[in-house]
């Protein structure tokens, strides 16, 4: 599995690009902030992958949760014609209604797309040679979901857990400390070798220990 990482700066989330150039398909995890605020980092990264052949590519965007720093960057995708937006059921509801959970109104953010594909907890997304298991992971938001790639043992964690033994905030609307603890406990039981989080650096060693550190911090917070 080839992963292109687009680093977010400031409030902007990281974005992750999985590509299958033979079949003309892309799978993006999170959109980050509007490109106007990020110098169109995601757009530039996608251009390197598709080499201007935008019309040849079919694109799916999976949104790990509904906060604006993960969902606002649709202006990076203007040249693509075939786009599917996907998420968990609760995240999709928040995004499609543009409710207060998204934080869009707080920052005067606007999006025009609709999440039109919903994944249930435990669903498997097959992309190229990858199998991504959808795992509902409430705590940061009620609709948070992570993706676990079973072949490479990679976790795309959104804002659930970060390198450095930290986890996502639970003081936003629908955040819940006890749900976060339960989620971290569940994730600590997975065999994970690579952690790709919504913010900050990746982690490629001692991932389980990192998750347990985050869990312990939340338990004694």
N, C-alpha and C. Protein backbone atom coordinates (compact mmCIF):
# COMPACT_ATOMS: atom_id res chain seq x y z
N UNK A 1 0.84 -1.19 0.00
CA UNK A 1 0.00 0.00 0.00
C UNK A 1 0.88 1.25 0.00
N UNK A 2 0.67 2.11 -0.97
CA UNK A 2 1.41 3.36 -1.06
C UNK A 2 0.57 4.47 -0.44
N UNK A 3 1.15 5.19 0.51
CA UNK A 3 0.45 6.28 1.18
C UNK A 3 1.20 7.58 0.94
N UNK A 4 0.53 8.55 0.33
CA UNK A 4 1.08 9.90 0.23
C UNK A 4 0.46 10.74 1.34
N UNK A 5 1.32 11.31 2.17
CA UNK A 5 0.86 12.09 3.32
C UNK A 5 0.93 13.58 2.99
N UNK A 6 -0.19 14.26 3.18
CA UNK A 6 -0.23 15.72 3.02
C UNK A 6 -0.32 16.31 4.42
N UNK A 7 0.76 16.94 4.84
CA UNK A 7 0.83 17.46 6.21
C UNK A 7 -0.03 18.70 6.38
N UNK A 8 -0.84 18.69 7.40
CA UNK A 8 -1.63 19.86 7.73
C UNK A 8 -0.82 20.80 8.62
N UNK A 9 -1.05 22.07 8.47
CA UNK A 9 -0.39 23.06 9.33
C UNK A 9 -1.42 23.84 10.10
N UNK A 10 -1.07 24.29 11.29
CA UNK A 10 -2.03 25.01 12.10
C UNK A 10 -3.21 24.14 12.47
N UNK A 11 -4.42 24.62 12.21
CA UNK A 11 -5.62 23.87 12.52
C UNK A 11 -5.89 22.75 11.52
N UNK A 12 -5.28 22.82 10.34
CA UNK A 12 -5.60 21.90 9.26
C UNK A 12 -5.17 20.47 9.58
N UNK A 13 -6.02 19.52 9.24
CA UNK A 13 -5.69 18.12 9.46
C UNK A 13 -4.70 17.62 8.41
N UNK A 14 -4.05 16.52 8.72
CA UNK A 14 -3.32 15.77 7.70
C UNK A 14 -4.33 15.12 6.75
N UNK A 15 -3.90 14.89 5.51
CA UNK A 15 -4.70 14.15 4.54
C UNK A 15 -3.85 13.00 4.01
N UNK A 16 -4.49 11.91 3.64
CA UNK A 16 -3.76 10.74 3.18
C UNK A 16 -4.33 10.28 1.84
N UNK A 17 -3.44 10.07 0.88
CA UNK A 17 -3.84 9.69 -0.47
C UNK A 17 -3.37 8.27 -0.75
N UNK A 18 -4.30 7.38 -1.04
CA UNK A 18 -4.01 6.03 -1.52
C UNK A 18 -4.35 6.01 -3.00
N UNK A 19 -3.48 5.46 -3.82
CA UNK A 19 -3.71 5.51 -5.26
C UNK A 19 -3.56 4.15 -5.91
N UNK A 20 -4.40 3.93 -6.89
CA UNK A 20 -4.31 2.75 -7.76
C UNK A 20 -4.28 3.29 -9.18
N UNK A 21 -3.08 3.59 -9.67
CA UNK A 21 -2.95 4.24 -10.96
C UNK A 21 -3.35 3.32 -12.11
N UNK A 22 -3.19 2.01 -11.93
CA UNK A 22 -3.57 1.07 -12.99
C UNK A 22 -5.07 1.10 -13.26
N UNK A 23 -5.86 1.28 -12.20
CA UNK A 23 -7.31 1.30 -12.34
C UNK A 23 -7.87 2.73 -12.34
N UNK A 24 -6.99 3.72 -12.20
CA UNK A 24 -7.44 5.10 -12.21
C UNK A 24 -8.33 5.44 -11.03
N UNK A 25 -7.94 4.97 -9.84
CA UNK A 25 -8.73 5.23 -8.64
C UNK A 25 -7.87 5.84 -7.54
N UNK A 26 -8.49 6.74 -6.78
CA UNK A 26 -7.85 7.36 -5.62
C UNK A 26 -8.76 7.22 -4.42
N UNK A 27 -8.15 7.05 -3.25
CA UNK A 27 -8.89 7.01 -2.00
C UNK A 27 -8.21 8.00 -1.06
N UNK A 28 -8.94 9.03 -0.67
CA UNK A 28 -8.39 10.08 0.19
C UNK A 28 -9.05 10.00 1.56
N UNK A 29 -8.23 10.09 2.58
CA UNK A 29 -8.74 10.11 3.95
C UNK A 29 -8.60 11.53 4.48
N UNK A 30 -9.71 12.20 4.65
CA UNK A 30 -9.85 13.57 5.13
C UNK A 30 -9.39 14.60 4.11
N UNK A 31 -10.05 15.79 4.18
CA UNK A 31 -9.83 16.85 3.20
C UNK A 31 -9.07 18.04 3.75
N UNK A 32 -8.91 18.12 5.06
CA UNK A 32 -8.25 19.29 5.62
C UNK A 32 -9.09 20.55 5.48
N UNK A 33 -8.42 21.69 5.61
CA UNK A 33 -9.08 22.99 5.50
C UNK A 33 -9.16 23.42 4.05
N UNK A 34 -9.91 24.48 3.79
CA UNK A 34 -9.99 25.03 2.45
C UNK A 34 -8.60 25.31 1.91
N UNK A 35 -8.40 25.00 0.64
CA UNK A 35 -7.08 25.19 0.04
C UNK A 35 -6.59 26.61 0.08
N UNK A 36 -7.50 27.55 0.15
CA UNK A 36 -7.09 28.95 0.23
C UNK A 36 -6.28 29.24 1.49
N UNK A 37 -6.49 28.43 2.52
CA UNK A 37 -5.76 28.62 3.78
C UNK A 37 -4.52 27.74 3.88
N UNK A 38 -4.36 26.81 2.95
CA UNK A 38 -3.27 25.83 3.05
C UNK A 38 -2.35 25.84 1.83
N UNK A 39 -2.46 26.92 1.03
CA UNK A 39 -1.67 27.01 -0.20
C UNK A 39 -1.93 25.82 -1.11
N UNK A 40 -3.13 25.28 -1.02
CA UNK A 40 -3.59 24.17 -1.85
C UNK A 40 -2.62 22.98 -1.82
N UNK A 41 -2.18 22.64 -0.62
CA UNK A 41 -1.23 21.53 -0.46
C UNK A 41 -1.81 20.21 -0.98
N UNK A 42 -3.08 19.94 -0.68
CA UNK A 42 -3.69 18.70 -1.14
C UNK A 42 -3.81 18.69 -2.66
N UNK A 43 -4.21 19.80 -3.23
CA UNK A 43 -4.34 19.92 -4.68
C UNK A 43 -3.00 19.65 -5.37
N UNK A 44 -1.94 20.21 -4.83
CA UNK A 44 -0.61 20.03 -5.42
C UNK A 44 -0.15 18.58 -5.31
N UNK A 45 -0.46 17.93 -4.20
CA UNK A 45 -0.08 16.53 -4.02
C UNK A 45 -0.85 15.64 -4.99
N UNK A 46 -2.14 15.93 -5.18
CA UNK A 46 -2.94 15.14 -6.11
C UNK A 46 -2.47 15.31 -7.55
N UNK A 47 -2.04 16.49 -7.90
CA UNK A 47 -1.55 16.75 -9.25
C UNK A 47 -0.33 15.87 -9.57
N UNK A 48 0.53 15.66 -8.57
CA UNK A 48 1.69 14.80 -8.78
C UNK A 48 1.29 13.35 -9.06
N UNK A 49 0.17 12.95 -8.49
CA UNK A 49 -0.30 11.57 -8.67
C UNK A 49 -0.98 11.38 -10.03
N UNK A 50 -1.85 12.31 -10.39
CA UNK A 50 -2.68 12.11 -11.59
C UNK A 50 -2.07 12.67 -12.87
N UNK A 51 -1.05 13.51 -12.74
CA UNK A 51 -0.37 14.07 -13.92
C UNK A 51 -1.34 14.72 -14.90
N UNK A 52 -2.22 15.53 -14.38
CA UNK A 52 -3.19 16.30 -15.18
C UNK A 52 -4.33 15.47 -15.76
N UNK A 53 -4.34 14.15 -15.56
CA UNK A 53 -5.39 13.30 -16.13
C UNK A 53 -6.56 13.17 -15.16
N UNK A 54 -7.06 14.29 -14.69
CA UNK A 54 -8.10 14.30 -13.66
C UNK A 54 -9.35 13.55 -14.10
N UNK A 55 -9.73 13.72 -15.36
CA UNK A 55 -10.97 13.12 -15.84
C UNK A 55 -10.90 11.60 -15.87
N UNK A 56 -9.70 11.03 -15.82
CA UNK A 56 -9.54 9.57 -15.87
C UNK A 56 -9.67 8.91 -14.50
N UNK A 57 -9.72 9.72 -13.44
CA UNK A 57 -9.65 9.15 -12.10
C UNK A 57 -11.00 9.19 -11.39
N UNK A 58 -11.27 8.10 -10.70
CA UNK A 58 -12.44 7.99 -9.82
C UNK A 58 -11.94 8.16 -8.40
N UNK A 59 -12.59 9.03 -7.65
CA UNK A 59 -12.08 9.44 -6.35
C UNK A 59 -13.11 9.19 -5.25
N UNK A 60 -12.66 8.56 -4.15
CA UNK A 60 -13.49 8.46 -2.95
C UNK A 60 -12.79 9.21 -1.82
N UNK A 61 -13.57 10.00 -1.10
CA UNK A 61 -13.06 10.75 0.05
C UNK A 61 -13.74 10.22 1.30
N UNK A 62 -12.97 9.63 2.19
CA UNK A 62 -13.51 9.16 3.47
C UNK A 62 -13.21 10.20 4.53
N UNK A 63 -14.23 10.62 5.24
CA UNK A 63 -14.10 11.66 6.27
C UNK A 63 -14.15 11.00 7.65
N UNK A 64 -13.07 11.12 8.40
CA UNK A 64 -12.95 10.41 9.68
C UNK A 64 -13.94 10.93 10.72
N UNK A 65 -14.30 12.19 10.63
CA UNK A 65 -15.34 12.75 11.49
C UNK A 65 -15.76 14.09 10.90
N UNK A 66 -16.62 14.81 11.60
CA UNK A 66 -17.32 15.93 10.97
C UNK A 66 -16.74 17.31 11.26
N UNK A 67 -15.61 17.42 11.96
CA UNK A 67 -15.06 18.74 12.26
C UNK A 67 -14.51 19.41 11.00
N UNK A 68 -14.66 20.73 10.95
CA UNK A 68 -14.35 21.46 9.72
C UNK A 68 -12.90 21.33 9.28
N UNK A 69 -11.97 21.11 10.21
CA UNK A 69 -10.56 21.01 9.81
C UNK A 69 -10.25 19.71 9.07
N UNK A 70 -11.26 18.84 8.95
CA UNK A 70 -11.13 17.60 8.19
C UNK A 70 -12.03 17.56 6.96
N UNK A 71 -12.99 18.48 6.87
CA UNK A 71 -14.02 18.36 5.82
C UNK A 71 -14.10 19.56 4.88
N UNK A 72 -13.30 20.61 5.10
CA UNK A 72 -13.52 21.89 4.45
C UNK A 72 -12.76 22.03 3.12
N UNK A 73 -11.93 21.09 2.76
CA UNK A 73 -11.00 21.30 1.65
C UNK A 73 -11.47 20.86 0.28
N UNK A 74 -12.76 20.92 0.02
CA UNK A 74 -13.26 20.43 -1.27
C UNK A 74 -12.75 21.24 -2.46
N UNK A 75 -12.30 22.48 -2.23
CA UNK A 75 -11.81 23.27 -3.35
C UNK A 75 -10.49 22.75 -3.90
N UNK A 76 -9.89 21.76 -3.22
CA UNK A 76 -8.71 21.09 -3.76
C UNK A 76 -9.06 20.07 -4.84
N UNK A 77 -10.35 19.77 -4.99
CA UNK A 77 -10.79 18.66 -5.85
C UNK A 77 -11.55 19.13 -7.09
N UNK A 78 -11.51 20.40 -7.40
CA UNK A 78 -12.37 20.97 -8.44
C UNK A 78 -12.20 20.32 -9.80
N UNK A 79 -11.02 19.81 -10.11
CA UNK A 79 -10.78 19.26 -11.45
C UNK A 79 -11.25 17.81 -11.60
N UNK A 80 -11.63 17.19 -10.49
CA UNK A 80 -12.11 15.81 -10.57
C UNK A 80 -13.60 15.80 -10.88
N UNK A 81 -14.01 14.85 -11.70
CA UNK A 81 -15.41 14.78 -12.12
C UNK A 81 -16.19 13.67 -11.42
N UNK A 82 -15.49 12.67 -10.93
CA UNK A 82 -16.17 11.52 -10.30
C UNK A 82 -15.70 11.39 -8.85
N UNK A 83 -16.51 11.93 -7.93
CA UNK A 83 -16.13 11.95 -6.52
C UNK A 83 -17.25 11.36 -5.68
N UNK A 84 -16.90 10.44 -4.79
CA UNK A 84 -17.81 9.91 -3.79
C UNK A 84 -17.31 10.32 -2.42
N UNK A 85 -18.21 10.86 -1.59
CA UNK A 85 -17.86 11.22 -0.22
C UNK A 85 -18.46 10.17 0.72
N UNK A 86 -17.65 9.69 1.66
CA UNK A 86 -18.11 8.64 2.56
C UNK A 86 -17.73 8.96 4.00
N UNK A 87 -18.44 8.32 4.95
CA UNK A 87 -18.21 8.54 6.37
C UNK A 87 -19.06 7.55 7.16
N UNK A 88 -18.96 7.62 8.48
CA UNK A 88 -19.87 6.88 9.33
C UNK A 88 -21.26 7.52 9.25
N UNK A 89 -22.26 6.83 9.76
CA UNK A 89 -23.62 7.36 9.67
C UNK A 89 -23.78 8.68 10.41
N UNK A 90 -23.28 8.75 11.64
CA UNK A 90 -23.44 9.97 12.42
C UNK A 90 -22.64 11.12 11.83
N UNK A 91 -21.42 10.84 11.40
CA UNK A 91 -20.61 11.90 10.78
C UNK A 91 -21.30 12.42 9.52
N UNK A 92 -21.85 11.51 8.72
CA UNK A 92 -22.57 11.92 7.51
C UNK A 92 -23.75 12.81 7.85
N UNK A 93 -24.49 12.47 8.89
CA UNK A 93 -25.64 13.30 9.29
C UNK A 93 -25.21 14.71 9.68
N UNK A 94 -24.12 14.80 10.45
CA UNK A 94 -23.62 16.13 10.85
C UNK A 94 -23.18 16.94 9.64
N UNK A 95 -22.44 16.30 8.74
CA UNK A 95 -21.91 17.00 7.58
C UNK A 95 -23.04 17.42 6.63
N UNK A 96 -23.97 16.53 6.40
CA UNK A 96 -25.03 16.81 5.43
C UNK A 96 -26.01 17.88 5.91
N UNK A 97 -26.16 18.02 7.23
CA UNK A 97 -27.04 19.06 7.77
C UNK A 97 -26.28 20.32 8.15
N UNK A 98 -24.94 20.27 8.02
CA UNK A 98 -24.09 21.43 8.36
C UNK A 98 -24.41 21.93 9.78
N UNK A 99 -24.56 20.99 10.70
CA UNK A 99 -24.97 21.39 12.05
C UNK A 99 -23.80 21.93 12.86
N UNK A 100 -24.10 22.26 14.13
CA UNK A 100 -23.07 22.91 14.96
C UNK A 100 -21.90 21.99 15.28
N UNK A 101 -22.09 20.68 15.13
CA UNK A 101 -21.01 19.74 15.42
C UNK A 101 -19.85 19.93 14.45
N UNK A 102 -20.13 20.36 13.24
CA UNK A 102 -19.09 20.54 12.23
C UNK A 102 -18.18 21.73 12.54
N UNK A 103 -18.66 22.67 13.34
CA UNK A 103 -17.95 23.92 13.65
C UNK A 103 -17.81 24.84 12.44
N UNK A 104 -18.51 24.52 11.35
CA UNK A 104 -18.41 25.34 10.15
C UNK A 104 -18.87 26.78 10.39
N UNK A 105 -20.00 26.95 11.08
CA UNK A 105 -20.54 28.29 11.28
C UNK A 105 -19.62 29.14 12.16
N UNK A 106 -18.91 28.50 13.06
CA UNK A 106 -18.00 29.23 13.96
C UNK A 106 -16.89 29.91 13.17
N UNK A 107 -16.47 29.28 12.09
CA UNK A 107 -15.38 29.83 11.28
C UNK A 107 -15.87 30.32 9.90
N UNK A 108 -17.18 30.49 9.77
CA UNK A 108 -17.78 30.98 8.52
C UNK A 108 -17.39 30.09 7.34
N UNK A 109 -17.32 28.80 7.59
CA UNK A 109 -16.96 27.85 6.55
C UNK A 109 -18.20 27.34 5.81
N UNK A 110 -18.02 27.04 4.53
CA UNK A 110 -19.11 26.51 3.72
C UNK A 110 -18.61 25.34 2.89
N UNK A 111 -19.45 24.32 2.76
CA UNK A 111 -19.17 23.19 1.88
C UNK A 111 -20.39 22.96 1.00
N UNK A 112 -20.17 22.39 -0.17
CA UNK A 112 -21.29 22.21 -1.11
C UNK A 112 -21.62 20.74 -1.36
N UNK A 113 -20.79 19.82 -0.91
CA UNK A 113 -20.99 18.41 -1.23
C UNK A 113 -21.90 17.73 -0.21
N UNK A 114 -22.30 16.51 -0.54
CA UNK A 114 -23.09 15.67 0.34
C UNK A 114 -22.38 14.34 0.52
N UNK A 115 -22.33 13.84 1.74
CA UNK A 115 -21.82 12.49 1.98
C UNK A 115 -22.87 11.51 1.48
N UNK A 116 -22.53 10.76 0.44
CA UNK A 116 -23.52 9.89 -0.20
C UNK A 116 -23.19 8.41 -0.07
N UNK A 117 -22.22 8.08 0.76
CA UNK A 117 -21.91 6.68 1.02
C UNK A 117 -21.61 6.52 2.51
N UNK A 118 -22.35 5.64 3.15
CA UNK A 118 -22.22 5.45 4.59
C UNK A 118 -21.69 4.05 4.87
N UNK A 119 -20.68 4.00 5.73
CA UNK A 119 -20.12 2.72 6.15
C UNK A 119 -20.54 2.40 7.58
N UNK A 120 -20.91 1.15 7.79
CA UNK A 120 -21.25 0.68 9.12
C UNK A 120 -20.00 0.23 9.85
N UNK A 121 -20.09 0.14 11.14
CA UNK A 121 -18.99 -0.37 11.95
C UNK A 121 -18.66 -1.80 11.51
N UNK A 122 -17.39 -2.03 11.19
CA UNK A 122 -16.96 -3.36 10.77
C UNK A 122 -16.93 -3.59 9.27
N UNK A 123 -17.45 -2.63 8.50
CA UNK A 123 -17.40 -2.77 7.04
C UNK A 123 -15.95 -2.82 6.56
N UNK A 124 -15.74 -3.51 5.44
CA UNK A 124 -14.42 -3.59 4.83
C UNK A 124 -14.45 -2.82 3.50
N UNK A 125 -13.55 -1.88 3.36
CA UNK A 125 -13.39 -1.14 2.12
C UNK A 125 -12.22 -1.75 1.36
N UNK A 126 -12.50 -2.29 0.19
CA UNK A 126 -11.43 -2.89 -0.61
C UNK A 126 -10.96 -1.87 -1.64
N UNK A 127 -9.67 -1.55 -1.58
CA UNK A 127 -9.09 -0.58 -2.51
C UNK A 127 -7.74 -1.11 -2.97
N UNK A 128 -7.61 -1.34 -4.25
CA UNK A 128 -6.38 -1.90 -4.80
C UNK A 128 -6.03 -3.18 -4.03
N UNK A 129 -4.83 -3.26 -3.46
CA UNK A 129 -4.45 -4.44 -2.69
C UNK A 129 -4.69 -4.26 -1.20
N UNK A 130 -5.45 -3.24 -0.84
CA UNK A 130 -5.69 -2.91 0.57
C UNK A 130 -7.10 -3.30 1.00
N UNK A 131 -7.22 -3.67 2.26
CA UNK A 131 -8.51 -3.90 2.88
C UNK A 131 -8.58 -3.03 4.13
N UNK A 132 -9.44 -2.04 4.09
CA UNK A 132 -9.56 -1.07 5.17
C UNK A 132 -10.81 -1.38 5.98
N UNK A 133 -10.62 -1.74 7.24
CA UNK A 133 -11.75 -2.04 8.11
C UNK A 133 -12.21 -0.76 8.81
N UNK A 134 -13.50 -0.48 8.70
CA UNK A 134 -14.09 0.69 9.35
C UNK A 134 -14.39 0.34 10.81
N UNK A 135 -13.87 1.13 11.72
CA UNK A 135 -14.09 0.90 13.15
C UNK A 135 -14.66 2.17 13.76
N UNK A 136 -15.91 2.12 14.20
CA UNK A 136 -16.49 3.27 14.87
C UNK A 136 -15.73 3.53 16.17
N UNK A 137 -15.38 4.81 16.37
CA UNK A 137 -14.45 5.16 17.46
C UNK A 137 -14.88 6.45 18.15
N UNK A 138 -16.05 6.45 18.80
CA UNK A 138 -16.54 7.67 19.43
C UNK A 138 -15.65 8.11 20.59
N UNK A 139 -15.79 9.39 20.93
CA UNK A 139 -15.00 9.96 22.01
C UNK A 139 -14.64 11.39 21.68
N UNK A 140 -13.97 11.58 20.55
CA UNK A 140 -13.68 12.93 20.07
C UNK A 140 -14.95 13.56 19.52
N UNK A 141 -15.67 12.80 18.70
CA UNK A 141 -17.05 13.12 18.31
C UNK A 141 -17.83 11.80 18.32
N UNK A 142 -19.15 11.91 18.30
CA UNK A 142 -19.94 10.68 18.31
C UNK A 142 -19.82 9.92 17.00
N UNK A 143 -19.46 10.60 15.91
CA UNK A 143 -19.38 9.94 14.62
C UNK A 143 -17.98 9.59 14.16
N UNK A 144 -17.01 9.70 15.05
CA UNK A 144 -15.62 9.40 14.66
C UNK A 144 -15.48 7.94 14.25
N UNK A 145 -14.67 7.72 13.20
CA UNK A 145 -14.37 6.37 12.74
C UNK A 145 -12.93 6.32 12.26
N UNK A 146 -12.26 5.22 12.53
CA UNK A 146 -10.90 5.00 12.06
C UNK A 146 -10.90 3.91 11.01
N UNK A 147 -9.82 3.83 10.25
CA UNK A 147 -9.65 2.78 9.25
C UNK A 147 -8.41 1.97 9.58
N UNK A 148 -8.58 0.65 9.64
CA UNK A 148 -7.47 -0.25 9.93
C UNK A 148 -7.18 -1.09 8.70
N UNK A 149 -5.99 -0.91 8.14
CA UNK A 149 -5.59 -1.66 6.95
C UNK A 149 -4.93 -2.95 7.41
N UNK A 150 -5.57 -4.06 7.08
CA UNK A 150 -5.20 -5.34 7.69
C UNK A 150 -3.91 -5.92 7.15
N UNK A 151 -3.56 -5.63 5.90
CA UNK A 151 -2.36 -6.23 5.32
C UNK A 151 -1.08 -5.59 5.85
N UNK A 152 -1.07 -4.27 5.92
CA UNK A 152 0.12 -3.57 6.40
C UNK A 152 0.04 -3.21 7.88
N UNK A 153 -1.08 -3.53 8.50
CA UNK A 153 -1.30 -3.24 9.92
C UNK A 153 -1.15 -1.74 10.20
N UNK A 154 -1.84 -0.97 9.36
CA UNK A 154 -1.80 0.48 9.47
C UNK A 154 -3.13 1.01 9.99
N UNK A 155 -3.06 2.00 10.88
CA UNK A 155 -4.26 2.62 11.43
C UNK A 155 -4.31 4.08 11.02
N UNK A 156 -5.39 4.45 10.32
CA UNK A 156 -5.66 5.85 9.99
C UNK A 156 -6.64 6.34 11.05
N UNK A 157 -6.12 7.11 12.00
CA UNK A 157 -6.79 7.30 13.28
C UNK A 157 -7.59 8.59 13.41
N UNK A 158 -7.61 9.43 12.38
CA UNK A 158 -8.32 10.69 12.55
C UNK A 158 -7.81 11.43 13.78
N UNK A 159 -8.73 11.95 14.57
CA UNK A 159 -8.34 12.66 15.80
C UNK A 159 -8.57 11.82 17.05
N UNK A 160 -8.55 10.50 16.89
CA UNK A 160 -8.73 9.64 18.05
C UNK A 160 -7.45 9.54 18.86
N UNK A 161 -6.32 9.28 18.19
CA UNK A 161 -5.06 9.14 18.92
C UNK A 161 -3.93 9.67 18.05
N UNK A 162 -2.93 10.28 18.73
CA UNK A 162 -1.80 10.89 18.05
C UNK A 162 -0.49 10.30 18.55
N UNK A 163 0.55 10.45 17.75
CA UNK A 163 1.89 10.11 18.22
C UNK A 163 2.22 10.99 19.42
N UNK A 164 2.99 10.45 20.35
CA UNK A 164 3.31 11.20 21.56
C UNK A 164 2.41 10.87 22.72
N UNK A 165 1.54 9.86 22.53
CA UNK A 165 0.69 9.41 23.64
C UNK A 165 -0.45 10.34 23.97
N UNK A 166 -0.96 11.05 22.97
CA UNK A 166 -2.08 11.97 23.19
C UNK A 166 -3.30 11.48 22.42
N UNK A 167 -4.47 11.95 22.84
CA UNK A 167 -5.70 11.62 22.14
C UNK A 167 -6.46 12.89 21.83
N UNK A 168 -7.51 12.77 21.04
CA UNK A 168 -8.29 13.94 20.65
C UNK A 168 -9.06 14.55 21.82
N UNK A 169 -9.37 15.82 21.68
CA UNK A 169 -10.14 16.53 22.70
C UNK A 169 -11.53 15.92 22.85
N UNK A 170 -12.06 16.00 24.04
CA UNK A 170 -13.41 15.48 24.29
C UNK A 170 -14.35 16.57 24.80
N UNK A 171 -13.92 17.84 24.67
CA UNK A 171 -14.74 18.95 25.18
C UNK A 171 -15.53 19.65 24.08
N UNK A 172 -15.45 19.16 22.84
CA UNK A 172 -16.32 19.66 21.78
C UNK A 172 -17.68 18.97 21.89
N UNK A 173 -18.72 19.54 21.23
CA UNK A 173 -20.03 18.89 21.25
C UNK A 173 -19.97 17.44 20.79
N UNK A 174 -20.63 16.56 21.50
CA UNK A 174 -20.70 15.10 21.35
C UNK A 174 -19.42 14.39 21.75
N UNK A 175 -18.40 15.13 22.22
CA UNK A 175 -17.22 14.48 22.78
C UNK A 175 -17.56 13.83 24.11
N UNK A 176 -16.87 12.74 24.44
CA UNK A 176 -17.19 12.02 25.67
C UNK A 176 -15.94 11.31 26.18
N UNK A 177 -15.55 11.66 27.40
CA UNK A 177 -14.33 11.09 27.97
C UNK A 177 -14.39 9.58 28.09
N UNK A 178 -15.49 9.05 28.57
CA UNK A 178 -15.58 7.61 28.82
C UNK A 178 -15.67 6.83 27.51
N UNK A 179 -16.31 7.41 26.52
CA UNK A 179 -16.31 6.76 25.21
C UNK A 179 -14.91 6.75 24.61
N UNK A 180 -14.17 7.84 24.83
CA UNK A 180 -12.78 7.88 24.33
C UNK A 180 -11.93 6.81 25.00
N UNK A 181 -12.10 6.63 26.28
CA UNK A 181 -11.34 5.59 26.99
C UNK A 181 -11.67 4.22 26.43
N UNK A 182 -12.96 3.97 26.21
CA UNK A 182 -13.37 2.67 25.66
C UNK A 182 -12.83 2.47 24.24
N UNK A 183 -12.84 3.52 23.45
CA UNK A 183 -12.30 3.43 22.09
C UNK A 183 -10.81 3.13 22.11
N UNK A 184 -10.06 3.82 22.95
CA UNK A 184 -8.62 3.59 23.02
C UNK A 184 -8.31 2.18 23.50
N UNK A 185 -9.11 1.71 24.43
CA UNK A 185 -8.93 0.33 24.90
C UNK A 185 -9.16 -0.66 23.75
N UNK A 186 -10.19 -0.42 22.95
CA UNK A 186 -10.49 -1.29 21.82
C UNK A 186 -9.35 -1.27 20.80
N UNK A 187 -8.86 -0.08 20.48
CA UNK A 187 -7.79 0.04 19.48
C UNK A 187 -6.48 -0.56 19.97
N UNK A 188 -6.26 -0.53 21.26
CA UNK A 188 -5.01 -1.08 21.81
C UNK A 188 -4.91 -2.59 21.60
N UNK A 189 -6.01 -3.23 21.30
CA UNK A 189 -6.03 -4.68 21.10
C UNK A 189 -5.73 -5.07 19.65
N UNK A 190 -5.63 -4.07 18.75
CA UNK A 190 -5.29 -4.35 17.37
C UNK A 190 -3.78 -4.49 17.22
N UNK A 191 -3.38 -5.26 16.22
CA UNK A 191 -1.96 -5.40 15.89
C UNK A 191 -1.61 -4.28 14.91
N UNK A 192 -1.04 -3.19 15.41
CA UNK A 192 -0.78 -2.00 14.61
C UNK A 192 0.72 -1.74 14.54
N UNK A 193 1.22 -1.57 13.33
CA UNK A 193 2.63 -1.24 13.14
C UNK A 193 2.84 0.19 12.64
N UNK A 194 1.78 0.78 12.06
CA UNK A 194 1.90 2.12 11.50
C UNK A 194 0.69 2.95 11.91
N UNK A 195 0.94 4.10 12.50
CA UNK A 195 -0.12 5.00 12.94
C UNK A 195 -0.07 6.28 12.13
N UNK A 196 -1.17 6.55 11.41
CA UNK A 196 -1.32 7.79 10.65
C UNK A 196 -2.45 8.58 11.28
N UNK A 197 -2.10 9.67 11.95
CA UNK A 197 -3.09 10.44 12.70
C UNK A 197 -3.52 11.69 11.96
N UNK A 198 -4.61 12.26 12.42
CA UNK A 198 -5.16 13.45 11.79
C UNK A 198 -4.31 14.69 11.95
N UNK A 199 -3.45 14.71 12.93
CA UNK A 199 -2.54 15.84 13.15
C UNK A 199 -1.21 15.29 13.64
N UNK A 200 -0.15 16.00 13.34
CA UNK A 200 1.16 15.60 13.84
C UNK A 200 1.82 14.52 13.01
N UNK A 201 2.93 13.98 13.52
CA UNK A 201 3.72 13.00 12.76
C UNK A 201 3.10 11.61 12.77
N UNK A 202 3.59 10.77 11.85
CA UNK A 202 3.22 9.36 11.85
C UNK A 202 4.06 8.64 12.92
N UNK A 203 3.65 7.43 13.22
CA UNK A 203 4.38 6.63 14.20
C UNK A 203 4.52 5.21 13.64
N UNK A 204 5.73 4.68 13.68
CA UNK A 204 6.00 3.37 13.08
C UNK A 204 6.68 2.41 14.04
N UNK A 205 6.53 2.67 15.31
CA UNK A 205 7.05 1.74 16.32
C UNK A 205 6.29 1.95 17.63
N UNK A 206 6.14 0.88 18.39
CA UNK A 206 5.51 0.93 19.71
C UNK A 206 4.16 1.66 19.67
N UNK A 207 3.35 1.30 18.67
CA UNK A 207 2.06 1.97 18.52
C UNK A 207 1.11 1.59 19.65
N UNK A 208 1.09 0.33 20.03
CA UNK A 208 0.20 -0.10 21.11
C UNK A 208 0.53 0.65 22.40
N UNK A 209 1.82 0.76 22.71
CA UNK A 209 2.23 1.48 23.91
C UNK A 209 1.78 2.93 23.85
N UNK A 210 1.84 3.51 22.67
CA UNK A 210 1.40 4.90 22.47
C UNK A 210 -0.09 5.05 22.76
N UNK A 211 -0.88 4.09 22.27
CA UNK A 211 -2.33 4.14 22.50
C UNK A 211 -2.65 3.96 23.98
N UNK A 212 -1.96 3.07 24.63
CA UNK A 212 -2.20 2.85 26.06
C UNK A 212 -1.79 4.07 26.88
N UNK A 213 -0.75 4.76 26.45
CA UNK A 213 -0.36 6.00 27.14
C UNK A 213 -1.47 7.03 27.03
N UNK A 214 -2.06 7.14 25.84
CA UNK A 214 -3.17 8.06 25.66
C UNK A 214 -4.37 7.66 26.52
N UNK A 215 -4.63 6.38 26.60
CA UNK A 215 -5.74 5.88 27.42
C UNK A 215 -5.50 6.20 28.89
N UNK A 216 -4.28 5.96 29.35
CA UNK A 216 -3.96 6.24 30.76
C UNK A 216 -4.08 7.73 31.06
N UNK A 217 -3.66 8.56 30.13
CA UNK A 217 -3.78 10.00 30.33
C UNK A 217 -5.24 10.40 30.47
N UNK A 218 -6.10 9.83 29.64
CA UNK A 218 -7.50 10.16 29.70
C UNK A 218 -8.15 9.64 30.98
N UNK A 219 -7.72 8.50 31.46
CA UNK A 219 -8.28 7.93 32.69
C UNK A 219 -7.94 8.79 33.91
N UNK A 220 -6.79 9.44 33.89
CA UNK A 220 -6.37 10.23 35.05
C UNK A 220 -6.48 11.72 34.81
N UNK A 221 -7.14 12.09 33.71
CA UNK A 221 -7.31 13.50 33.34
C UNK A 221 -8.23 14.20 34.32
